[in-house]
Each structure stands twice: as structure tokens, then as C-alpha cells.
Protein backbone atom coordinates (compact mmCIF):
# COMPACT_ATOMS: atom_id res chain seq x y z
CA MET A 1 -7.40 -21.43 -17.42
CA ASN A 2 -9.98 -21.72 -14.62
CA ASP A 3 -7.28 -22.53 -12.05
CA LEU A 4 -5.58 -19.15 -12.40
CA PRO A 5 -4.94 -17.26 -9.13
CA PHE A 6 -7.93 -15.14 -8.16
CA SER A 7 -8.15 -12.25 -5.71
CA PRO A 8 -11.64 -11.50 -4.31
CA ALA A 9 -10.36 -8.08 -3.16
CA ALA A 10 -9.18 -7.20 -6.68
CA GLU A 11 -12.59 -8.21 -7.99
CA ARG A 12 -14.37 -6.00 -5.45
CA ASN A 13 -12.24 -2.89 -5.81
CA ALA A 14 -11.92 -2.84 -9.61
CA GLU A 15 -15.19 -0.97 -10.14
CA PRO A 16 -14.54 1.77 -7.54
CA ILE A 17 -11.06 2.31 -8.96
CA GLN A 18 -12.49 2.44 -12.48
CA GLU A 19 -14.76 5.28 -11.34
CA VAL A 20 -11.71 7.28 -10.25
CA LEU A 21 -9.83 6.50 -13.47
CA LYS A 22 -12.72 7.81 -15.57
CA ASP A 23 -11.59 11.32 -14.60
CA VAL A 24 -7.88 10.57 -14.84
CA LEU A 25 -7.38 8.68 -18.10
CA ILE A 26 -7.71 10.16 -21.56
CA GLU A 27 -7.81 8.47 -24.95
CA GLU A 28 -4.45 7.15 -26.14
CA ASP A 29 -2.99 7.09 -22.61
CA LYS A 30 -0.28 4.49 -22.04
CA VAL A 31 -0.58 3.00 -18.55
CA LEU A 32 2.17 1.00 -16.87
CA GLU A 33 0.74 -1.08 -14.02
CA VAL A 34 3.36 -1.96 -11.42
CA GLY A 35 2.61 -5.10 -9.41
CA ALA A 36 -0.23 -6.46 -11.55
CA GLY A 37 -0.62 -9.47 -9.24
CA THR A 38 -3.26 -11.79 -10.67
CA GLY A 39 -3.79 -9.56 -13.71
CA GLN A 40 -7.46 -8.99 -12.83
CA HIS A 41 -7.15 -5.19 -12.77
CA ALA A 42 -5.28 -5.20 -16.07
CA VAL A 43 -8.06 -7.13 -17.80
CA HIS A 44 -10.83 -5.12 -16.14
CA MET A 45 -9.32 -1.72 -16.96
CA ALA A 46 -8.33 -2.67 -20.51
CA ARG A 47 -11.96 -3.64 -21.14
CA ALA A 48 -13.28 -0.50 -19.48
CA PHE A 49 -10.91 1.82 -21.39
CA PRO A 50 -10.46 0.24 -24.84
CA LYS A 51 -8.54 3.22 -26.26
CA VAL A 52 -5.97 3.14 -23.45
CA LEU A 53 -2.94 0.86 -23.71
CA TRP A 54 -2.63 -1.04 -20.42
CA GLN A 55 0.82 -2.55 -19.83
CA ALA A 56 0.89 -4.98 -16.91
CA SER A 57 4.14 -5.74 -15.09
CA ASP A 58 5.26 -7.70 -12.05
CA ARG A 59 8.12 -9.71 -10.59
CA ALA A 60 9.30 -12.66 -12.65
CA GLU A 61 7.56 -15.32 -10.55
CA ASN A 62 4.12 -13.82 -11.24
CA ILE A 63 4.50 -13.34 -14.99
CA PRO A 64 3.35 -16.82 -16.17
CA ASP A 65 -0.07 -16.54 -14.47
CA ILE A 66 -0.53 -12.93 -15.60
CA ARG A 67 0.38 -13.93 -19.16
CA ALA A 68 -2.19 -16.72 -19.08
CA ARG A 69 -4.96 -14.41 -17.83
CA LEU A 70 -4.14 -11.76 -20.44
CA ALA A 71 -4.06 -14.36 -23.20
CA GLN A 72 -7.47 -15.58 -22.07
CA ALA A 73 -8.85 -12.02 -22.31
CA ALA A 74 -7.35 -11.53 -25.80
CA LEU A 75 -7.63 -7.72 -25.76
CA SER A 76 -5.75 -5.68 -28.36
CA ASN A 77 -4.82 -2.96 -25.82
CA LEU A 78 -3.35 -5.47 -23.38
CA PRO A 79 0.18 -6.44 -24.50
CA GLU A 80 2.43 -9.15 -23.07
CA PRO A 81 3.25 -8.49 -19.39
CA LEU A 82 6.70 -7.14 -18.52
CA THR A 83 9.04 -8.36 -15.82
CA LEU A 84 9.68 -5.49 -13.40
CA ASP A 85 10.99 -5.32 -9.86
CA VAL A 86 10.45 -1.97 -8.15
CA LEU A 87 13.93 -2.10 -6.60
CA SER A 88 15.65 -2.98 -9.88
CA THR A 89 17.24 -0.36 -12.06
CA PRO A 90 16.69 0.53 -14.80
CA TRP A 91 13.01 -0.02 -15.47
CA PRO A 92 11.91 -0.85 -19.04
CA ALA A 93 12.16 2.30 -21.16
CA ILE A 94 8.67 2.24 -22.65
CA PRO A 95 6.39 5.18 -23.53
CA THR A 96 4.25 5.81 -20.43
CA THR A 97 1.82 8.58 -19.56
CA VAL A 98 0.28 7.04 -16.41
CA LEU A 99 1.90 4.92 -13.71
CA TYR A 100 -0.59 2.80 -11.76
CA THR A 101 -0.28 0.47 -8.80
CA ALA A 102 -2.78 -1.10 -6.43
CA ASN A 103 -2.19 -2.74 -3.06
CA THR A 104 1.59 -2.80 -3.33
CA PHE A 105 3.00 -0.08 -1.06
CA HIS A 106 2.17 -2.02 2.12
CA ILE A 107 3.78 -5.19 0.70
CA MET A 108 7.11 -3.75 -0.46
CA PRO A 109 9.70 -2.34 1.98
CA ALA A 110 9.67 1.40 2.63
CA LYS A 111 12.54 1.89 0.19
CA GLY A 112 10.31 0.24 -2.42
CA TRP A 113 7.61 2.88 -2.53
CA ARG A 114 10.28 5.58 -2.55
CA ALA A 115 12.00 3.83 -5.46
CA PHE A 116 8.62 3.76 -7.20
CA PHE A 117 8.56 7.57 -7.25
CA ASP A 118 12.25 7.77 -8.14
CA HIS A 119 11.58 5.65 -11.21
CA ALA A 120 8.40 7.58 -11.94
CA SER A 121 10.46 10.77 -12.18
CA ASN A 122 12.62 9.12 -14.84
CA LEU A 123 9.72 7.57 -16.72
CA LEU A 124 7.05 10.28 -16.86
CA ASP A 125 7.20 13.61 -18.64
CA ILE A 126 5.60 16.79 -17.34
CA GLY A 127 1.85 16.15 -17.17
CA GLY A 128 2.31 12.44 -16.48
CA ARG A 129 0.08 11.00 -13.78
CA VAL A 130 0.58 8.52 -10.95
CA VAL A 131 -2.33 6.57 -9.42
CA VAL A 132 -1.84 4.61 -6.19
CA TYR A 133 -4.59 2.58 -4.52
CA GLY A 134 -4.42 0.89 -1.14
CA PRO A 135 -4.62 1.37 2.63
CA PHE A 136 -2.91 4.36 4.21
CA ARG A 137 -2.63 5.70 7.73
CA ALA A 138 -2.95 9.38 8.64
CA ARG A 139 0.07 10.85 10.41
CA GLY A 140 -0.45 10.92 14.17
CA LYS A 141 -3.73 9.00 14.05
CA GLU A 142 -4.52 5.41 14.96
CA LEU A 143 -5.51 2.97 12.27
CA GLU A 144 -9.11 1.89 11.86
CA PRO A 145 -9.71 -1.49 13.58
CA SER A 146 -9.87 -3.39 10.28
CA ASN A 147 -6.62 -1.86 9.02
CA LEU A 148 -4.95 -2.41 12.38
CA ARG A 149 -5.75 -6.12 12.15
CA PHE A 150 -4.52 -6.11 8.56
CA GLU A 151 -1.22 -4.48 9.49
CA GLN A 152 -0.65 -6.94 12.31
CA MET A 153 -1.13 -9.76 9.82
CA LEU A 154 1.24 -8.09 7.34
CA GLN A 155 4.00 -7.73 9.91
CA GLN A 156 3.63 -11.31 11.03
CA GLU A 157 4.26 -12.30 7.40
CA ALA A 158 7.27 -9.99 7.01
CA PRO A 159 8.54 -7.24 9.36
CA HIS A 160 9.22 -4.81 6.49
CA ARG A 161 5.55 -4.73 5.53
CA GLY A 162 3.10 -2.20 6.87
CA ILE A 163 0.49 0.43 6.06
CA ARG A 164 2.30 3.59 4.98
CA VAL A 165 1.77 7.08 6.37
CA GLN A 166 -0.15 8.98 3.73
CA GLU A 167 1.62 12.28 4.38
CA ASP A 168 5.05 10.64 4.10
CA VAL A 169 4.17 9.33 0.64
CA ILE A 170 2.71 12.67 -0.48
CA ASP A 171 5.74 14.59 0.79
CA TYR A 172 8.21 12.26 -0.92
CA ALA A 173 6.31 12.36 -4.21
CA GLN A 174 6.50 16.15 -4.03
CA THR A 175 10.32 15.97 -3.90
CA ARG A 176 10.20 14.07 -7.19
CA GLY A 177 8.08 16.68 -8.92
CA PHE A 178 4.65 15.08 -8.35
CA VAL A 179 1.85 17.22 -6.96
CA LEU A 180 -1.18 15.55 -5.40
CA GLN A 181 -4.32 16.23 -7.45
CA GLU A 182 -6.93 13.92 -5.92
CA ASN A 183 -7.31 11.93 -2.71
CA HIS A 184 -10.36 9.67 -2.77
CA ALA A 185 -11.80 7.75 0.16
CA MET A 186 -12.51 4.23 -1.08
CA PRO A 187 -14.39 1.20 0.30
CA ALA A 188 -12.89 -0.88 3.12
CA ASN A 189 -10.78 2.02 4.48
CA ASN A 190 -8.64 2.31 1.36
CA ARG A 191 -7.68 5.41 -0.58
CA CYS A 192 -6.92 6.25 -4.19
CA LEU A 193 -4.32 9.00 -4.64
CA VAL A 194 -3.65 10.74 -7.93
CA TRP A 195 -0.57 12.84 -8.67
CA LYS A 196 0.50 14.90 -11.68
CA ARG A 197 4.08 15.62 -12.61
CA GLU A 198 4.58 19.36 -12.62
CA ARG A 199 8.35 19.77 -12.58
CA VAL A 200 11.55 17.92 -13.40
CA GLU A 201 13.95 16.93 -10.63
CA PRO A 202 17.72 16.60 -11.28
CA LEU A 203 18.85 13.02 -11.85
CA GLY A 204 21.56 13.42 -9.24
CA SER A 205 18.93 13.55 -6.49
CA LEU A 206 17.53 10.08 -7.17
CA THR A 207 17.86 7.43 -4.47
CA VAL A 208 17.12 4.29 -6.48
CA GLU A 209 19.62 1.56 -5.70
CA GLY A 210 22.62 1.84 -7.96
CA GLN A 211 22.15 5.58 -8.48
CA LYS A 212 23.41 8.61 -6.59
CA PRO A 213 22.01 9.04 -3.05
């Protein structure tokens, strides 16, 4: 078990994110984490919020390592991880009150983060919350030097990757019925954004692959 993948960044940012979630989560919430990665956040948050069900998910290739980490933690509010690809449709139809993702929007293509909100509008009822952590750029402003270097590295790895414009994400979420509630500055030039679903959008407006444009 000691050779499981480990992310130093996930270890560092878990506590600051937990502080934000203290004011977002309520008892009996059911969280779906999209892109659980190494599973470190899932274990950390399930321990921090023992009355919240924390459902980890990720692409198929990452599931074995996540499963091993969750089994090692042996927490009753941390079920088996689910296989989920943001661009796949449909997502698992499981009861969810909070959708959470960390450090994924800059990895997936632009259509990926839009699909995330399309799926969120199918998954969450009125009052459901979305929490997104990661680096963002402000519209019309240059990136901080550290994030500029990070973006250059991302685009060398894959041209579709990049730090997203915060206002673009907020505006798109609004079209899916999600209203921004909180926008926290976080360590290392990251942000934690929290939305609440306040209205229902017609299914015909969704743009997830395989659905109406």
C-alpha cells in the first residue's frame, strides 16, 4: 500500500479546501468528487466530515489505485470509487447534493469543464452545490508568474490544456442554473469557487456530447 501514487500538492491544499467546505457542507450531504486522482482528497474529506458521504470517481485507468487507497482508509462514508469520464454520457444516476472537483478544469479540454456543468444540471436539484478548486485566470489580465510557468508546462504536455478564464466558467455555470456564492483566494494562486443551483434549465439546451446542442 505504501507505493500508491502520492500528490504533494493534494496533501498541501487539502486543509485549505477543508476550511472552505466547513461552510458549504451540511450533515447527510452526498458529495460526488469528479477526478479524484490519487484519492487523497477523498480520504481527507471523509475523515474531516464523517457524516457526509464522499463518493470518489475518476477515469477507469485511475480506479485501481483509488480503490486501494480507500480500502486502506476503511471509512464507512467512503464507498467504492465509480468510473466516470466527464465527456461520457450519462453519468451514474446516484443521489448527489454536492459536486466537487479539484485541479481538473485545466487538465480537461474546454468542452470538458462545460460538460461538467451540463451534467451538474442533470444531477443536482435546486439547492445543490458545486465546488471547484484550481488555478484560474482573470479575464483581460496576465497570469501570475508561477501560473504562467504552469500553463506553459501544461500546454507542452497537451495543447488542449490550460488555465481557464474565471469569468467564462462563472458565466457558463449561470446558463445552467448555477449562481456563484463564494469565490475564495487560496494558496499558490489558486481559487475555490462555490455555486448553488437556483433554477432548472430545459434539457434541450444541454451541450453534452450525444445530447442536443
